Amino acid sequence: MRGLGADKKREFCLSFRGRTTRVLVEEKMDSKTGRHRGFSRNYLPVMVRAGDQYVNREVDVEVHDMDNGWLIGRLTKQDFQPELAPRISANV
């Protein structure tokens, strides 16, 4: 029964791939990827690369993948503001 539930959740989450959803960006970050964690309006877990200035803001995120139960997305052009973007070093 749990396996079926997990499969259904994954299927539902993956149905958002290629779509845009509103996400409330939280302060918590994934230690491996450096992405901020957040949740969509219907409580889907989403990770997005965003600067600290986006924390506690609701932004549009285009979902493109899923990893370890988290949807992975990017800020849409509408919400992306270069002056608020995280600085990425060329040495990374």
C-alpha atoms as a PDB file:
ATOM      1  CA  MET A   1       0.000   0.000   0.000  1.00  0.00           C
ATOM      2  CA  ARG A   2       2.823   2.425   0.861  1.00  0.00           C
ATOM      3  CA  GLY A   3       4.554   1.616  -2.392  1.00  0.00           C
ATOM      4  CA  LEU A   4       1.400   2.439  -4.316  1.00  0.00           C
ATOM      5  CA  GLY A   5       1.081   5.732  -2.427  1.00  0.00           C
ATOM      6  CA  ALA A   6       4.691   6.652  -3.207  1.00  0.00           C
ATOM      7  CA  ASP A   7       4.173   5.795  -6.880  1.00  0.00           C
ATOM      8  CA  LYS A   8       1.034   7.946  -7.045  1.00  0.00           C
ATOM      9  CA  LYS A   9       2.787  10.892  -5.367  1.00  0.00           C
ATOM     10  CA  ARG A  10       5.720  10.639  -7.784  1.00  0.00           C
ATOM     11  CA  GLU A  11       3.353  10.428 -10.757  1.00  0.00           C
ATOM     12  CA  PHE A  12       1.441  13.496  -9.519  1.00  0.00           C
ATOM     13  CA  CYS A  13       4.635  15.482  -8.929  1.00  0.00           C
ATOM     14  CA  LEU A  14       6.041  14.585 -12.340  1.00  0.00           C
ATOM     15  CA  SER A  15       2.829  15.839 -13.960  1.00  0.00           C
ATOM     16  CA  PHE A  16       4.116  19.347 -13.105  1.00  0.00           C
ATOM     17  CA  ARG A  17       7.274  18.926 -15.215  1.00  0.00           C
ATOM     18  CA  GLY A  18       7.347  21.635 -17.876  1.00  0.00           C
ATOM     19  CA  ARG A  19       4.746  23.698 -16.019  1.00  0.00           C
ATOM     20  CA  THR A  20       5.064  26.879 -13.987  1.00  0.00           C
ATOM     21  CA  THR A  21       3.889  27.000 -10.381  1.00  0.00           C
ATOM     22  CA  ARG A  22       4.027  29.563  -7.578  1.00  0.00           C
ATOM     23  CA  VAL A  23       6.550  28.615  -4.867  1.00  0.00           C
ATOM     24  CA  LEU A  24       7.161  30.149  -1.455  1.00  0.00           C
ATOM     25  CA  VAL A  25      10.969  30.114  -1.119  1.00  0.00           C
ATOM     26  CA  GLU A  26      12.188  29.126   2.342  1.00  0.00           C
ATOM     27  CA  GLU A  27      15.458  29.896   4.072  1.00  0.00           C
ATOM     28  CA  LYS A  28      16.436  26.207   4.194  1.00  0.00           C
ATOM     29  CA  MET A  29      18.902  25.120   1.538  1.00  0.00           C
ATOM     30  CA  ASP A  30      19.909  21.740   0.209  1.00  0.00           C
ATOM     31  CA  SER A  31      23.507  21.226   1.330  1.00  0.00           C
ATOM     32  CA  LYS A  32      24.500  19.239  -1.785  1.00  0.00           C
ATOM     33  CA  THR A  33      23.073  21.504  -4.479  1.00  0.00           C
ATOM     34  CA  GLY A  34      22.869  24.899  -2.765  1.00  0.00           C
ATOM     35  CA  ARG A  35      19.269  25.238  -3.900  1.00  0.00           C
ATOM     36  CA  HIS A  36      16.657  26.835  -1.668  1.00  0.00           C
ATOM     37  CA  ARG A  37      13.763  24.665  -0.608  1.00  0.00           C
ATOM     38  CA  GLY A  38      10.180  25.769  -0.871  1.00  0.00           C
ATOM     39  CA  PHE A  39       6.617  24.618  -1.364  1.00  0.00           C
ATOM     40  CA  SER A  40       4.055  25.268  -4.066  1.00  0.00           C
ATOM     41  CA  ARG A  41       0.532  26.435  -3.275  1.00  0.00           C
ATOM     42  CA  ASN A  42      -0.606  22.809  -3.232  1.00  0.00           C
ATOM     43  CA  TYR A  43       2.292  21.782  -0.944  1.00  0.00           C
ATOM     44  CA  LEU A  44       4.559  20.183  -3.533  1.00  0.00           C
ATOM     45  CA  PRO A  45       8.199  20.242  -2.360  1.00  0.00           C
ATOM     46  CA  VAL A  46      10.328  22.285  -4.762  1.00  0.00           C
ATOM     47  CA  MET A  47      14.026  23.216  -4.876  1.00  0.00           C
ATOM     48  CA  VAL A  48      15.146  26.278  -6.808  1.00  0.00           C
ATOM     49  CA  ARG A  49      18.440  28.128  -7.239  1.00  0.00           C
ATOM     50  CA  ALA A  50      17.665  31.586  -5.877  1.00  0.00           C
ATOM     51  CA  GLY A  51      19.452  34.283  -3.920  1.00  0.00           C
ATOM     52  CA  ASP A  52      18.714  34.924  -0.255  1.00  0.00           C
ATOM     53  CA  GLN A  53      16.705  37.949  -1.361  1.00  0.00           C
ATOM     54  CA  TYR A  54      14.004  35.567  -2.599  1.00  0.00           C
ATOM     55  CA  VAL A  55      13.513  33.982   0.855  1.00  0.00           C
ATOM     56  CA  ASN A  56       9.937  34.374   2.158  1.00  0.00           C
ATOM     57  CA  ARG A  57       8.793  35.506  -1.277  1.00  0.00           C
ATOM     58  CA  GLU A  58       6.413  33.684  -3.559  1.00  0.00           C
ATOM     59  CA  VAL A  59       7.874  33.371  -7.060  1.00  0.00           C
ATOM     60  CA  ASP A  60       7.017  31.643 -10.330  1.00  0.00           C
ATOM     61  CA  VAL A  61       9.128  28.537 -10.866  1.00  0.00           C
ATOM     62  CA  GLU A  62       9.269  26.421 -13.996  1.00  0.00           C
ATOM     63  CA  VAL A  63       9.559  22.772 -12.946  1.00  0.00           C
ATOM     64  CA  HIS A  64      11.973  20.710 -15.055  1.00  0.00           C
ATOM     65  CA  ASP A  65      12.956  17.640 -13.030  1.00  0.00           C
ATOM     66  CA  MET A  66      12.544  15.642  -9.818  1.00  0.00           C
ATOM     67  CA  ASP A  67      15.217  14.330  -7.454  1.00  0.00           C
ATOM     68  CA  ASN A  68      14.831  12.526  -4.119  1.00  0.00           C
ATOM     69  CA  GLY A  69      11.165  13.470  -3.809  1.00  0.00           C
ATOM     70  CA  TRP A  70      11.775  17.164  -4.576  1.00  0.00           C
ATOM     71  CA  LEU A  71      10.734  18.915  -7.766  1.00  0.00           C
ATOM     72  CA  ILE A  72      13.607  20.893  -9.292  1.00  0.00           C
ATOM     73  CA  GLY A  73      12.847  24.179 -10.981  1.00  0.00           C
ATOM     74  CA  ARG A  74      14.196  27.520 -12.106  1.00  0.00           C
ATOM     75  CA  LEU A  75      12.899  31.032 -11.617  1.00  0.00           C
ATOM     76  CA  THR A  76      10.877  32.258 -14.573  1.00  0.00           C
ATOM     77  CA  LYS A  77      12.044  35.330 -16.454  1.00  0.00           C
ATOM     78  CA  GLN A  78       9.141  37.209 -14.882  1.00  0.00           C
ATOM     79  CA  ASP A  79      10.549  36.733 -11.368  1.00  0.00           C
ATOM     80  CA  PHE A  80      14.250  36.565 -12.199  1.00  0.00           C
ATOM     81  CA  GLN A  81      16.033  39.782 -11.316  1.00  0.00           C
ATOM     82  CA  PRO A  82      19.773  39.778 -12.122  1.00  0.00           C
ATOM     83  CA  GLU A  83      20.546  42.027  -9.170  1.00  0.00           C
ATOM     84  CA  LEU A  84      18.959  39.431  -6.848  1.00  0.00           C
ATOM     85  CA  ALA A  85      20.528  36.363  -8.475  1.00  0.00           C
ATOM     86  CA  PRO A  86      23.093  34.332  -6.552  1.00  0.00           C
ATOM     87  CA  ARG A  87      26.649  35.048  -7.531  1.00  0.00           C
ATOM     88  CA  ILE A  88      28.307  31.934  -8.970  1.00  0.00           C
ATOM     89  CA  SER A  89      32.077  31.792  -8.949  1.00  0.00           C
ATOM     90  CA  ALA A  90      33.861  30.665 -12.120  1.00  0.00           C
ATOM     91  CA  ASN A  91      36.055  28.451  -9.892  1.00  0.00           C
ATOM     92  CA  VAL A  92      33.162  26.170  -8.918  1.00  0.00           C
END
